[in-house]
Amino acid sequence: MPFLEPSVSISERVDGVFLLALVLAVTALIVITFLMVYFVVKYRRTRNPKATDVEGHTPLEIGWTLVTLVLFLVIFYYGWTNFRYMRNPPRDAMVVEATGRQWLGASSTQTASRLRRCTSRSTGL
């Protein structure tokens, strides 16, 4: 489901990691907001005028810790496999040596030349 035509093959994989993290974050936002509103209404002062002290619920605490851990591990694994894919260009890729200059800007007297990518071959920087 690309919004723009990808310029490199890895961009679809990067978009997949981003969309996974975005969907999980929005889902968590919706669930937490719903639960918060639900419990605010359920335990409002007019229905429960005397507060009660509630101790911990160990299975619930272990459950939400494990669910969160699994979600973070899924995001990490998906991102790590795509990172490894990005770091290992194909064997026939053209190697380009690049040097970055931190303070070379538009007001500088020096100009940087453009790098044009050959579309028929993979390129590794």
PDB file of N, CA and C in Angstrom:
ATOM      1  N   MET A   1       0.827  -1.177   0.000  1.00  0.00           N
ATOM      2  CA  MET A   1       0.000   0.000   0.000  1.00  0.00           C
ATOM      3  C   MET A   1       0.875   1.246   0.000  1.00  0.00           C
ATOM      4  N   PRO A   2       1.710   1.432  -0.996  1.00  0.00           N
ATOM      5  CA  PRO A   2       2.574   2.620  -1.004  1.00  0.00           C
ATOM      6  C   PRO A   2       1.800   3.873  -1.392  1.00  0.00           C
ATOM      7  N   PHE A   3       2.108   4.972  -0.705  1.00  0.00           N
ATOM      8  CA  PHE A   3       1.504   6.250  -1.033  1.00  0.00           C
ATOM      9  C   PHE A   3       2.258   6.905  -2.186  1.00  0.00           C
ATOM     10  N   LEU A   4       3.546   6.696  -2.219  1.00  0.00           N
ATOM     11  CA  LEU A   4       4.387   7.178  -3.304  1.00  0.00           C
ATOM     12  C   LEU A   4       5.139   5.994  -3.883  1.00  0.00           C
ATOM     13  N   GLU A   5       5.565   6.115  -5.110  1.00  0.00           N
ATOM     14  CA  GLU A   5       6.333   5.044  -5.733  1.00  0.00           C
ATOM     15  C   GLU A   5       7.699   4.947  -5.055  1.00  0.00           C
ATOM     16  N   PRO A   6       8.081   3.765  -4.524  1.00  0.00           N
ATOM     17  CA  PRO A   6       9.365   3.659  -3.832  1.00  0.00           C
ATOM     18  C   PRO A   6      10.532   3.817  -4.798  1.00  0.00           C
ATOM     19  N   SER A   7      11.571   4.517  -4.351  1.00  0.00           N
ATOM     20  CA  SER A   7      12.739   4.731  -5.197  1.00  0.00           C
ATOM     21  C   SER A   7      13.766   3.618  -5.025  1.00  0.00           C
ATOM     22  N   VAL A   8      13.745   2.927  -3.895  1.00  0.00           N
ATOM     23  CA  VAL A   8      14.659   1.806  -3.661  1.00  0.00           C
ATOM     24  C   VAL A   8      13.862   0.637  -3.108  1.00  0.00           C
ATOM     25  N   SER A   9      14.419  -0.557  -3.245  1.00  0.00           N
ATOM     26  CA  SER A   9      13.690  -1.759  -2.851  1.00  0.00           C
ATOM     27  C   SER A   9      13.500  -1.865  -1.335  1.00  0.00           C
ATOM     28  N   ILE A  10      14.388  -1.300  -0.564  1.00  0.00           N
ATOM     29  CA  ILE A  10      14.299  -1.418   0.897  1.00  0.00           C
ATOM     30  C   ILE A  10      13.193  -0.550   1.482  1.00  0.00           C
ATOM     31  N   SER A  11      12.749   0.460   0.740  1.00  0.00           N
ATOM     32  CA  SER A  11      11.770   1.395   1.302  1.00  0.00           C
ATOM     33  C   SER A  11      10.459   0.714   1.667  1.00  0.00           C
ATOM     34  N   GLU A  12      10.042  -0.299   0.934  1.00  0.00           N
ATOM     35  CA  GLU A  12       8.817  -1.019   1.278  1.00  0.00           C
ATOM     36  C   GLU A  12       8.973  -1.753   2.607  1.00  0.00           C
ATOM     37  N   ARG A  13      10.153  -2.297   2.846  1.00  0.00           N
ATOM     38  CA  ARG A  13      10.391  -3.000   4.112  1.00  0.00           C
ATOM     39  C   ARG A  13      10.428  -2.024   5.281  1.00  0.00           C
ATOM     40  N   VAL A  14      11.041  -0.871   5.079  1.00  0.00           N
ATOM     41  CA  VAL A  14      11.089   0.152   6.125  1.00  0.00           C
ATOM     42  C   VAL A  14       9.682   0.664   6.416  1.00  0.00           C
ATOM     43  N   ASP A  15       8.892   0.866   5.366  1.00  0.00           N
ATOM     44  CA  ASP A  15       7.504   1.286   5.558  1.00  0.00           C
ATOM     45  C   ASP A  15       6.717   0.245   6.343  1.00  0.00           C
ATOM     46  N   GLY A  16       7.007  -1.031   6.115  1.00  0.00           N
ATOM     47  CA  GLY A  16       6.324  -2.092   6.859  1.00  0.00           C
ATOM     48  C   GLY A  16       6.609  -2.036   8.344  1.00  0.00           C
ATOM     49  N   VAL A  17       7.872  -1.802   8.711  1.00  0.00           N
ATOM     50  CA  VAL A  17       8.237  -1.679  10.129  1.00  0.00           C
ATOM     51  C   VAL A  17       7.552  -0.459  10.740  1.00  0.00           C
ATOM     52  N   PHE A  18       7.557   0.652  10.010  1.00  0.00           N
ATOM     53  CA  PHE A  18       6.912   1.862  10.512  1.00  0.00           C
ATOM     54  C   PHE A  18       5.416   1.655  10.713  1.00  0.00           C
ATOM     55  N   LEU A  19       4.759   1.041   9.733  1.00  0.00           N
ATOM     56  CA  LEU A  19       3.315   0.826   9.848  1.00  0.00           C
ATOM     57  C   LEU A  19       2.980  -0.141  10.975  1.00  0.00           C
ATOM     58  N   LEU A  20       3.809  -1.159  11.196  1.00  0.00           N
ATOM     59  CA  LEU A  20       3.585  -2.070  12.316  1.00  0.00           C
ATOM     60  C   LEU A  20       3.655  -1.321  13.641  1.00  0.00           C
ATOM     61  N   ALA A  21       4.691  -0.511  13.814  1.00  0.00           N
ATOM     62  CA  ALA A  21       4.826   0.253  15.058  1.00  0.00           C
ATOM     63  C   ALA A  21       3.684   1.260  15.202  1.00  0.00           C
ATOM     64  N   LEU A  22       3.274   1.882  14.108  1.00  0.00           N
ATOM     65  CA  LEU A  22       2.175   2.849  14.149  1.00  0.00           C
ATOM     66  C   LEU A  22       0.859   2.180  14.529  1.00  0.00           C
ATOM     67  N   VAL A  23       0.559   1.045  13.927  1.00  0.00           N
ATOM     68  CA  VAL A  23      -0.691   0.335  14.228  1.00  0.00           C
ATOM     69  C   VAL A  23      -0.702  -0.127  15.686  1.00  0.00           C
ATOM     70  N   LEU A  24       0.410  -0.651  16.167  1.00  0.00           N
ATOM     71  CA  LEU A  24       0.468  -1.083  17.568  1.00  0.00           C
ATOM     72  C   LEU A  24       0.316   0.106  18.519  1.00  0.00           C
ATOM     73  N   ALA A  25       0.922   1.225  18.206  1.00  0.00           N
ATOM     74  CA  ALA A  25       0.817   2.405  19.074  1.00  0.00           C
ATOM     75  C   ALA A  25      -0.603   2.959  19.090  1.00  0.00           C
ATOM     76  N   VAL A  26      -1.241   3.042  17.939  1.00  0.00           N
ATOM     77  CA  VAL A  26      -2.620   3.551  17.881  1.00  0.00           C
ATOM     78  C   VAL A  26      -3.569   2.589  18.568  1.00  0.00           C
ATOM     79  N   THR A  27      -3.367   1.286  18.388  1.00  0.00           N
ATOM     80  CA  THR A  27      -4.196   0.292  19.070  1.00  0.00           C
ATOM     81  C   THR A  27      -4.048   0.418  20.581  1.00  0.00           C
ATOM     82  N   ALA A  28      -2.819   0.552  21.058  1.00  0.00           N
ATOM     83  CA  ALA A  28      -2.595   0.724  22.500  1.00  0.00           C
ATOM     84  C   ALA A  28      -3.254   2.010  22.999  1.00  0.00           C
ATOM     85  N   LEU A  29      -3.157   3.081  22.238  1.00  0.00           N
ATOM     86  CA  LEU A  29      -3.797   4.345  22.618  1.00  0.00           C
ATOM     87  C   LEU A  29      -5.307   4.180  22.762  1.00  0.00           C
ATOM     88  N   ILE A  30      -5.926   3.524  21.810  1.00  0.00           N
ATOM     89  CA  ILE A  30      -7.378   3.342  21.836  1.00  0.00           C
ATOM     90  C   ILE A  30      -7.788   2.451  23.007  1.00  0.00           C
ATOM     91  N   VAL A  31      -7.091   1.337  23.212  1.00  0.00           N
ATOM     92  CA  VAL A  31      -7.432   0.416  24.299  1.00  0.00           C
ATOM     93  C   VAL A  31      -7.247   1.091  25.662  1.00  0.00           C
ATOM     94  N   ILE A  32      -6.124   1.766  25.857  1.00  0.00           N
ATOM     95  CA  ILE A  32      -5.859   2.409  27.149  1.00  0.00           C
ATOM     96  C   ILE A  32      -6.855   3.535  27.409  1.00  0.00           C
ATOM     97  N   THR A  33      -7.176   4.319  26.385  1.00  0.00           N
ATOM     98  CA  THR A  33      -8.150   5.391  26.563  1.00  0.00           C
ATOM     99  C   THR A  33      -9.528   4.825  26.900  1.00  0.00           C
ATOM    100  N   PHE A  34      -9.947   3.769  26.208  1.00  0.00           N
ATOM    101  CA  PHE A  34     -11.236   3.144  26.499  1.00  0.00           C
ATOM    102  C   PHE A  34     -11.279   2.617  27.933  1.00  0.00           C
ATOM    103  N   LEU A  35     -10.225   1.907  28.342  1.00  0.00           N
ATOM    104  CA  LEU A  35     -10.195   1.365  29.705  1.00  0.00           C
ATOM    105  C   LEU A  35     -10.178   2.470  30.750  1.00  0.00           C
ATOM    106  N   MET A  36      -9.454   3.545  30.480  1.00  0.00           N
ATOM    107  CA  MET A  36      -9.400   4.649  31.425  1.00  0.00           C
ATOM    108  C   MET A  36     -10.779   5.277  31.604  1.00  0.00           C
ATOM    109  N   VAL A  37     -11.475   5.549  30.512  1.00  0.00           N
ATOM    110  CA  VAL A  37     -12.821   6.133  30.596  1.00  0.00           C
ATOM    111  C   VAL A  37     -13.775   5.160  31.281  1.00  0.00           C
ATOM    112  N   TYR A  38     -13.677   3.885  30.943  1.00  0.00           N
ATOM    113  CA  TYR A  38     -14.537   2.873  31.552  1.00  0.00           C
ATOM    114  C   TYR A  38     -14.366   2.846  33.071  1.00  0.00           C
ATOM    115  N   PHE A  39     -13.130   2.823  33.546  1.00  0.00           N
ATOM    116  CA  PHE A  39     -12.896   2.742  34.993  1.00  0.00           C
ATOM    117  C   PHE A  39     -13.203   4.061  35.706  1.00  0.00           C
ATOM    118  N   VAL A  40     -13.045   5.174  35.025  1.00  0.00           N
ATOM    119  CA  VAL A  40     -13.434   6.455  35.627  1.00  0.00           C
ATOM    120  C   VAL A  40     -14.942   6.472  35.854  1.00  0.00           C
ATOM    121  N   VAL A  41     -15.705   5.993  34.891  1.00  0.00           N
ATOM    122  CA  VAL A  41     -17.158   5.963  35.032  1.00  0.00           C
ATOM    123  C   VAL A  41     -17.579   4.909  36.063  1.00  0.00           C
ATOM    124  N   LYS A  42     -16.961   3.745  36.021  1.00  0.00           N
ATOM    125  CA  LYS A  42     -17.347   2.661  36.917  1.00  0.00           C
ATOM    126  C   LYS A  42     -17.059   2.992  38.380  1.00  0.00           C
ATOM    127  N   TYR A  43     -15.935   3.593  38.657  1.00  0.00           N
ATOM    128  CA  TYR A  43     -15.526   3.851  40.040  1.00  0.00           C
ATOM    129  C   TYR A  43     -15.620   5.333  40.413  1.00  0.00           C
ATOM    130  N   ARG A  44     -16.561   6.052  39.844  1.00  0.00           N
ATOM    131  CA  ARG A  44     -16.711   7.462  40.202  1.00  0.00           C
ATOM    132  C   ARG A  44     -17.204   7.598  41.644  1.00  0.00           C
ATOM    133  N   ARG A  45     -17.010   8.765  42.193  1.00  0.00           N
ATOM    134  CA  ARG A  45     -17.263   8.997  43.608  1.00  0.00           C
ATOM    135  C   ARG A  45     -18.737   8.823  43.982  1.00  0.00           C
ATOM    136  N   THR A  46     -19.661   9.147  43.102  1.00  0.00           N
ATOM    137  CA  THR A  46     -21.087   9.037  43.452  1.00  0.00           C
ATOM    138  C   THR A  46     -21.511   7.582  43.637  1.00  0.00           C
ATOM    139  N   ARG A  47     -20.877   6.657  42.922  1.00  0.00           N
ATOM    140  CA  ARG A  47     -21.227   5.245  43.064  1.00  0.00           C
ATOM    141  C   ARG A  47     -20.422   4.563  44.154  1.00  0.00           C
ATOM    142  N   ASN A  48     -19.237   5.053  44.433  1.00  0.00           N
ATOM    143  CA  ASN A  48     -18.346   4.479  45.442  1.00  0.00           C
ATOM    144  C   ASN A  48     -17.834   5.595  46.340  1.00  0.00           C
ATOM    145  N   PRO A  49     -18.624   6.048  47.312  1.00  0.00           N
ATOM    146  CA  PRO A  49     -18.197   7.195  48.121  1.00  0.00           C
ATOM    147  C   PRO A  49     -17.031   6.862  49.042  1.00  0.00           C
ATOM    148  N   LYS A  50     -16.885   5.598  49.461  1.00  0.00           N
ATOM    149  CA  LYS A  50     -15.778   5.219  50.342  1.00  0.00           C
ATOM    150  C   LYS A  50     -14.753   4.439  49.527  1.00  0.00           C
ATOM    151  N   ALA A  51     -13.551   4.986  49.460  1.00  0.00           N
ATOM    152  CA  ALA A  51     -12.492   4.324  48.700  1.00  0.00           C
ATOM    153  C   ALA A  51     -11.998   3.085  49.438  1.00  0.00           C
ATOM    154  N   THR A  52     -11.597   2.082  48.670  1.00  0.00           N
ATOM    155  CA  THR A  52     -11.044   0.851  49.251  1.00  0.00           C
ATOM    156  C   THR A  52      -9.609   0.696  48.792  1.00  0.00           C
ATOM    157  N   ASP A  53      -8.797   0.130  49.651  1.00  0.00           N
ATOM    158  CA  ASP A  53      -7.397  -0.108  49.330  1.00  0.00           C
ATOM    159  C   ASP A  53      -7.296  -1.425  48.567  1.00  0.00           C
ATOM    160  N   VAL A  54      -6.719  -1.390  47.384  1.00  0.00           N
ATOM    161  CA  VAL A  54      -6.609  -2.576  46.538  1.00  0.00           C
ATOM    162  C   VAL A  54      -5.148  -2.993  46.478  1.00  0.00           C
ATOM    163  N   GLU A  55      -4.897  -4.241  46.819  1.00  0.00           N
ATOM    164  CA  GLU A  55      -3.536  -4.789  46.724  1.00  0.00           C
ATOM    165  C   GLU A  55      -3.283  -5.266  45.293  1.00  0.00           C
ATOM    166  N   GLY A  56      -2.056  -5.628  44.995  1.00  0.00           N
ATOM    167  CA  GLY A  56      -1.671  -6.068  43.659  1.00  0.00           C
ATOM    168  C   GLY A  56      -2.353  -7.356  43.235  1.00  0.00           C
ATOM    169  N   HIS A  57      -2.414  -7.550  41.921  1.00  0.00           N
ATOM    170  CA  HIS A  57      -2.978  -8.751  41.317  1.00  0.00           C
ATOM    171  C   HIS A  57      -1.872  -9.350  40.453  1.00  0.00           C
ATOM    172  N   THR A  58      -1.145 -10.304  41.003  1.00  0.00           N
ATOM    173  CA  THR A  58       0.071 -10.816  40.373  1.00  0.00           C
ATOM    174  C   THR A  58      -0.152 -11.373  38.966  1.00  0.00           C
ATOM    175  N   PRO A  59      -1.175 -12.215  38.717  1.00  0.00           N
ATOM    176  CA  PRO A  59      -1.352 -12.711  37.343  1.00  0.00           C
ATOM    177  C   PRO A  59      -1.597 -11.587  36.325  1.00  0.00           C
ATOM    178  N   LEU A  60      -2.351 -10.561  36.724  1.00  0.00           N
ATOM    179  CA  LEU A  60      -2.592  -9.439  35.819  1.00  0.00           C
ATOM    180  C   LEU A  60      -1.293  -8.689  35.524  1.00  0.00           C
ATOM    181  N   GLU A  61      -0.479  -8.469  36.551  1.00  0.00           N
ATOM    182  CA  GLU A  61       0.784  -7.756  36.357  1.00  0.00           C
ATOM    183  C   GLU A  61       1.745  -8.552  35.477  1.00  0.00           C
ATOM    184  N   ILE A  62       1.816  -9.864  35.699  1.00  0.00           N
ATOM    185  CA  ILE A  62       2.668 -10.714  34.855  1.00  0.00           C
ATOM    186  C   ILE A  62       2.135 -10.717  33.427  1.00  0.00           C
ATOM    187  N   GLY A  63       0.828 -10.764  33.271  1.00  0.00           N
ATOM    188  CA  GLY A  63       0.213 -10.788  31.943  1.00  0.00           C
ATOM    189  C   GLY A  63       0.537  -9.551  31.131  1.00  0.00           C
ATOM    190  N   TRP A  64       0.320  -8.345  31.716  1.00  0.00           N
ATOM    191  CA  TRP A  64       0.574  -7.153  30.898  1.00  0.00           C
ATOM    192  C   TRP A  64       2.065  -6.935  30.679  1.00  0.00           C
ATOM    193  N   THR A  65       2.898  -7.441  31.583  1.00  0.00           N
ATOM    194  CA  THR A  65       4.336  -7.351  31.349  1.00  0.00           C
ATOM    195  C   THR A  65       4.752  -8.252  30.194  1.00  0.00           C
ATOM    196  N   LEU A  66       4.222  -9.478  30.151  1.00  0.00           N
ATOM    197  CA  LEU A  66       4.576 -10.410  29.071  1.00  0.00           C
ATOM    198  C   LEU A  66       4.017  -9.953  27.727  1.00  0.00           C
ATOM    199  N   VAL A  67       2.787  -9.440  27.707  1.00  0.00           N
ATOM    200  CA  VAL A  67       2.219  -8.949  26.440  1.00  0.00           C
ATOM    201  C   VAL A  67       3.058  -7.797  25.897  1.00  0.00           C
ATOM    202  N   THR A  68       3.434  -6.869  26.759  1.00  0.00           N
ATOM    203  CA  THR A  68       4.273  -5.747  26.329  1.00  0.00           C
ATOM    204  C   THR A  68       5.634  -6.234  25.843  1.00  0.00           C
ATOM    205  N   LEU A  69       6.223  -7.174  26.561  1.00  0.00           N
ATOM    206  CA  LEU A  69       7.514  -7.728  26.155  1.00  0.00           C
ATOM    207  C   LEU A  69       7.419  -8.378  24.778  1.00  0.00           C
ATOM    208  N   VAL A  70       6.390  -9.164  24.537  1.00  0.00           N
ATOM    209  CA  VAL A  70       6.232  -9.833  23.246  1.00  0.00           C
ATOM    210  C   VAL A  70       6.053  -8.807  22.125  1.00  0.00           C
ATOM    211  N   LEU A  71       5.250  -7.767  22.356  1.00  0.00           N
ATOM    212  CA  LEU A  71       5.063  -6.747  21.326  1.00  0.00           C
ATOM    213  C   LEU A  71       6.370  -6.032  20.999  1.00  0.00           C
ATOM    214  N   PHE A  72       7.139  -5.673  22.019  1.00  0.00           N
ATOM    215  CA  PHE A  72       8.423  -5.023  21.763  1.00  0.00           C
ATOM    216  C   PHE A  72       9.397  -5.959  21.053  1.00  0.00           C
ATOM    217  N   LEU A  73       9.402  -7.235  21.409  1.00  0.00           N
ATOM    218  CA  LEU A  73      10.287  -8.184  20.731  1.00  0.00           C
ATOM    219  C   LEU A  73       9.895  -8.383  19.274  1.00  0.00           C
ATOM    220  N   VAL A  74       8.600  -8.370  18.971  1.00  0.00           N
ATOM    221  CA  VAL A  74       8.156  -8.485  17.576  1.00  0.00           C
ATOM    222  C   VAL A  74       8.637  -7.278  16.779  1.00  0.00           C
ATOM    223  N   ILE A  75       8.453  -6.080  17.325  1.00  0.00           N
ATOM    224  CA  ILE A  75       8.922  -4.871  16.627  1.00  0.00           C
ATOM    225  C   ILE A  75      10.437  -4.909  16.458  1.00  0.00           C
ATOM    226  N   PHE A  76      11.151  -5.313  17.515  1.00  0.00           N
ATOM    227  CA  PHE A  76      12.616  -5.375  17.427  1.00  0.00           C
ATOM    228  C   PHE A  76      13.061  -6.382  16.378  1.00  0.00           C
ATOM    229  N   TYR A  77      12.468  -7.575  16.364  1.00  0.00           N
ATOM    230  CA  TYR A  77      12.873  -8.609  15.403  1.00  0.00           C
ATOM    231  C   TYR A  77      12.615  -8.141  13.970  1.00  0.00           C
ATOM    232  N   TYR A  78      11.441  -7.568  13.740  1.00  0.00           N
ATOM    233  CA  TYR A  78      11.094  -7.086  12.405  1.00  0.00           C
ATOM    234  C   TYR A  78      12.065  -5.987  11.974  1.00  0.00           C
ATOM    235  N   GLY A  79      12.374  -5.064  12.862  1.00  0.00           N
ATOM    236  CA  GLY A  79      13.330  -4.008  12.547  1.00  0.00           C
ATOM    237  C   GLY A  79      14.744  -4.531  12.363  1.00  0.00           C
ATOM    238  N   TRP A  80      15.158  -5.486  13.202  1.00  0.00           N
ATOM    239  CA  TRP A  80      16.516  -6.034  13.114  1.00  0.00           C
ATOM    240  C   TRP A  80      16.724  -6.804  11.809  1.00  0.00           C
ATOM    241  N   THR A  81      15.748  -7.614  11.385  1.00  0.00           N
ATOM    242  CA  THR A  81      15.911  -8.355  10.129  1.00  0.00           C
ATOM    243  C   THR A  81      15.989  -7.389   8.945  1.00  0.00           C
ATOM    244  N   ASN A  82      15.218  -6.309   8.985  1.00  0.00           N
ATOM    245  CA  ASN A  82      15.300  -5.328   7.903  1.00  0.00           C
ATOM    246  C   ASN A  82      16.608  -4.547   7.957  1.00  0.00           C
ATOM    247  N   PHE A  83      17.114  -4.275   9.156  1.00  0.00           N
ATOM    248  CA  PHE A  83      18.407  -3.598   9.287  1.00  0.00           C
ATOM    249  C   PHE A  83      19.522  -4.474   8.711  1.00  0.00           C
ATOM    250  N   ARG A  84      19.504  -5.764   9.011  1.00  0.00           N
ATOM    251  CA  ARG A  84      20.513  -6.677   8.456  1.00  0.00           C
ATOM    252  C   ARG A  84      20.414  -6.737   6.939  1.00  0.00           C
ATOM    253  N   TYR A  85      19.192  -6.711   6.418  1.00  0.00           N
ATOM    254  CA  TYR A  85      19.003  -6.721   4.967  1.00  0.00           C
ATOM    255  C   TYR A  85      19.594  -5.454   4.345  1.00  0.00           C
ATOM    256  N   MET A  86      19.415  -4.306   5.013  1.00  0.00           N
ATOM    257  CA  MET A  86      19.945  -3.037   4.499  1.00  0.00           C
ATOM    258  C   MET A  86      21.465  -2.996   4.552  1.00  0.00           C
ATOM    259  N   ARG A  87      22.042  -3.570   5.592  1.00  0.00           N
ATOM    260  CA  ARG A  87      23.494  -3.490   5.786  1.00  0.00           C
ATOM    261  C   ARG A  87      24.265  -4.417   4.866  1.00  0.00           C
ATOM    262  N   ASN A  88      23.620  -5.383   4.238  1.00  0.00           N
ATOM    263  CA  ASN A  88      24.302  -6.339   3.373  1.00  0.00           C
ATOM    264  C   ASN A  88      23.830  -6.162   1.929  1.00  0.00           C
ATOM    265  N   PRO A  89      24.526  -5.316   1.157  1.00  0.00           N
ATOM    266  CA  PRO A  89      24.120  -5.133  -0.236  1.00  0.00           C
ATOM    267  C   PRO A  89      24.430  -6.390  -1.055  1.00  0.00           C
ATOM    268  N   PRO A  90      23.829  -6.522  -2.223  1.00  0.00           N
ATOM    269  CA  PRO A  90      24.135  -7.674  -3.084  1.00  0.00           C
ATOM    270  C   PRO A  90      25.613  -7.704  -3.457  1.00  0.00           C
ATOM    271  N   ARG A  91      26.103  -8.888  -3.819  1.00  0.00           N
ATOM    272  CA  ARG A  91      27.531  -9.043  -4.139  1.00  0.00           C
ATOM    273  C   ARG A  91      27.950  -8.222  -5.362  1.00  0.00           C
ATOM    274  N   ASP A  92      27.053  -8.030  -6.316  1.00  0.00           N
ATOM    275  CA  ASP A  92      27.413  -7.297  -7.524  1.00  0.00           C
ATOM    276  C   ASP A  92      27.113  -5.798  -7.417  1.00  0.00           C
ATOM    277  N   ALA A  93      26.913  -5.300  -6.204  1.00  0.00           N
ATOM    278  CA  ALA A  93      26.584  -3.888  -6.018  1.00  0.00           C
ATOM    279  C   ALA A  93      27.805  -3.012  -6.294  1.00  0.00           C
ATOM    280  N   MET A  94      27.546  -1.839  -6.850  1.00  0.00           N
ATOM    281  CA  MET A  94      28.609  -0.880  -7.107  1.00  0.00           C
ATOM    282  C   MET A  94      28.947  -0.176  -5.794  1.00  0.00           C
ATOM    283  N   VAL A  95      30.218  -0.175  -5.405  1.00  0.00           N
ATOM    284  CA  VAL A  95      30.651   0.442  -4.155  1.00  0.00           C
ATOM    285  C   VAL A  95      30.931   1.917  -4.402  1.00  0.00           C
ATOM    286  N   VAL A  96      30.369   2.773  -3.555  1.00  0.00           N
ATOM    287  CA  VAL A  96      30.559   4.214  -3.669  1.00  0.00           C
ATOM    288  C   VAL A  96      31.186   4.705  -2.374  1.00  0.00           C
ATOM    289  N   GLU A  97      32.331   5.365  -2.455  1.00  0.00           N
ATOM    290  CA  GLU A  97      32.975   5.965  -1.294  1.00  0.00           C
ATOM    291  C   GLU A  97      32.425   7.373  -1.139  1.00  0.00           C
ATOM    292  N   ALA A  98      31.903   7.704   0.035  1.00  0.00           N
ATOM    293  CA  ALA A  98      31.317   9.031   0.259  1.00  0.00           C
ATOM    294  C   ALA A  98      31.931   9.643   1.509  1.00  0.00           C
ATOM    295  N   THR A  99      32.240  10.938   1.444  1.00  0.00           N
ATOM    296  CA  THR A  99      32.764  11.673   2.585  1.00  0.00           C
ATOM    297  C   THR A  99      31.808  12.813   2.883  1.00  0.00           C
ATOM    298  N   GLY A 100      31.307  12.852   4.112  1.00  0.00           N
ATOM    299  CA  GLY A 100      30.390  13.923   4.514  1.00  0.00           C
ATOM    300  C   GLY A 100      31.160  15.059   5.152  1.00  0.00           C
ATOM    301  N   ARG A 101      30.728  16.275   4.880  1.00  0.00           N
ATOM    302  CA  ARG A 101      31.342  17.454   5.481  1.00  0.00           C
ATOM    303  C   ARG A 101      30.275  18.169   6.286  1.00  0.00           C
ATOM    304  N   GLN A 102      30.512  18.267   7.576  1.00  0.00           N
ATOM    305  CA  GLN A 102      29.493  18.785   8.483  1.00  0.00           C
ATOM    306  C   GLN A 102      29.126  20.234   8.207  1.00  0.00           C
ATOM    307  N   TRP A 103      30.062  21.077   7.960  1.00  0.00           N
ATOM    308  CA  TRP A 103      29.784  22.506   7.857  1.00  0.00           C
ATOM    309  C   TRP A 103      29.730  23.000   6.420  1.00  0.00           C
ATOM    310  N   LEU A 104      29.605  22.113   5.454  1.00  0.00           N
ATOM    311  CA  LEU A 104      29.496  22.511   4.063  1.00  0.00           C
ATOM    312  C   LEU A 104      28.029  22.806   3.775  1.00  0.00           C
ATOM    313  N   GLY A 105      27.692  24.068   3.684  1.00  0.00           N
ATOM    314  CA  GLY A 105      26.299  24.456   3.497  1.00  0.00           C
ATOM    315  C   GLY A 105      26.104  25.313   2.278  1.00  0.00           C
ATOM    316  N   ALA A 106      24.934  25.902   2.168  1.00  0.00           N
ATOM    317  CA  ALA A 106      24.607  26.728   1.008  1.00  0.00           C
ATOM    318  C   ALA A 106      25.433  28.011   0.966  1.00  0.00           C
ATOM    319  N   SER A 107      25.858  28.513   2.136  1.00  0.00           N
ATOM    320  CA  SER A 107      26.622  29.761   2.154  1.00  0.00           C
ATOM    321  C   SER A 107      28.111  29.535   1.913  1.00  0.00           C
ATOM    322  N   SER A 108      28.527  28.295   1.814  1.00  0.00           N
ATOM    323  CA  SER A 108      29.941  27.988   1.614  1.00  0.00           C
ATOM    324  C   SER A 108      30.353  28.284   0.178  1.00  0.00           C
ATOM    325  N   THR A 109      31.650  28.578  -0.010  1.00  0.00           N
ATOM    326  CA  THR A 109      32.156  28.838  -1.358  1.00  0.00           C
ATOM    327  C   THR A 109      32.354  27.536  -2.128  1.00  0.00           C
ATOM    328  N   GLN A 110      32.453  26.420  -1.408  1.00  0.00           N
ATOM    329  CA  GLN A 110      32.597  25.119  -2.061  1.00  0.00           C
ATOM    330  C   GLN A 110      31.202  24.563  -2.364  1.00  0.00           C
ATOM    331  N   THR A 111      31.117  23.788  -3.408  1.00  0.00           N
ATOM    332  CA  THR A 111      29.849  23.151  -3.732  1.00  0.00           C
ATOM    333  C   THR A 111      30.038  21.647  -3.796  1.00  0.00           C
ATOM    334  N   ALA A 112      29.032  20.929  -3.389  1.00  0.00           N
ATOM    335  CA  ALA A 112      29.086  19.473  -3.442  1.00  0.00           C
ATOM    336  C   ALA A 112      28.506  19.003  -4.764  1.00  0.00           C
ATOM    337  N   SER A 113      29.165  18.035  -5.384  1.00  0.00           N
ATOM    338  CA  SER A 113      28.640  17.505  -6.643  1.00  0.00           C
ATOM    339  C   SER A 113      27.517  16.508  -6.349  1.00  0.00           C
ATOM    340  N   ARG A 114      26.682  16.277  -7.307  1.00  0.00           N
ATOM    341  CA  ARG A 114      25.543  15.380  -7.136  1.00  0.00           C
ATOM    342  C   ARG A 114      25.960  13.938  -7.395  1.00  0.00           C
ATOM    343  N   LEU A 115      25.300  13.046  -6.715  1.00  0.00           N
ATOM    344  CA  LEU A 115      25.513  11.624  -6.927  1.00  0.00           C
ATOM    345  C   LEU A 115      24.269  11.083  -7.606  1.00  0.00           C
ATOM    346  N   ARG A 116      24.433  10.543  -8.761  1.00  0.00           N
ATOM    347  CA  ARG A 116      23.301   9.959  -9.478  1.00  0.00           C
ATOM    348  C   ARG A 116      23.442   8.449  -9.440  1.00  0.00           C
ATOM    349  N   ARG A 117      22.351   7.802  -9.093  1.00  0.00           N
ATOM    350  CA  ARG A 117      22.377   6.345  -8.916  1.00  0.00           C
ATOM    351  C   ARG A 117      22.044   5.670 -10.240  1.00  0.00           C
ATOM    352  N   CYS A 118      22.842   4.674 -10.565  1.00  0.00           N
ATOM    353  CA  CYS A 118      22.592   3.858 -11.737  1.00  0.00           C
ATOM    354  C   CYS A 118      21.421   2.927 -11.417  1.00  0.00           C
ATOM    355  N   THR A 119      20.351   2.989 -12.169  1.00  0.00           N
ATOM    356  CA  THR A 119      19.148   2.222 -11.824  1.00  0.00           C
ATOM    357  C   THR A 119      19.251   0.757 -12.178  1.00  0.00           C
ATOM    358  N   SER A 120      20.225   0.389 -12.974  1.00  0.00           N
ATOM    359  CA  SER A 120      20.308  -1.011 -13.377  1.00  0.00           C
ATOM    360  C   SER A 120      21.092  -1.857 -12.368  1.00  0.00           C
ATOM    361  N   ARG A 121      21.829  -1.236 -11.455  1.00  0.00           N
ATOM    362  CA  ARG A 121      22.628  -1.983 -10.476  1.00  0.00           C
ATOM    363  C   ARG A 121      22.332  -1.503  -9.076  1.00  0.00           C
ATOM    364  N   SER A 122      22.522  -2.394  -8.104  1.00  0.00           N
ATOM    365  CA  SER A 122      22.413  -2.005  -6.691  1.00  0.00           C
ATOM    366  C   SER A 122      23.631  -1.184  -6.327  1.00  0.00           C
ATOM    367  N   THR A 123      23.452  -0.311  -5.336  1.00  0.00           N
ATOM    368  CA  THR A 123      24.526   0.570  -4.915  1.00  0.00           C
ATOM    369  C   THR A 123      24.735   0.410  -3.423  1.00  0.00           C
ATOM    370  N   GLY A 124      25.968   0.273  -2.976  1.00  0.00           N
ATOM    371  CA  GLY A 124      26.290   0.201  -1.557  1.00  0.00           C
ATOM    372  C   GLY A 124      27.153   1.375  -1.166  1.00  0.00           C
ATOM    373  N   LEU A 125      26.762   2.054  -0.104  1.00  0.00           N
ATOM    374  CA  LEU A 125      27.558   3.190   0.388  1.00  0.00           C
ATOM    375  C   LEU A 125      28.403   2.742   1.551  1.00  0.00           C
TER     376      LEU A 125
END
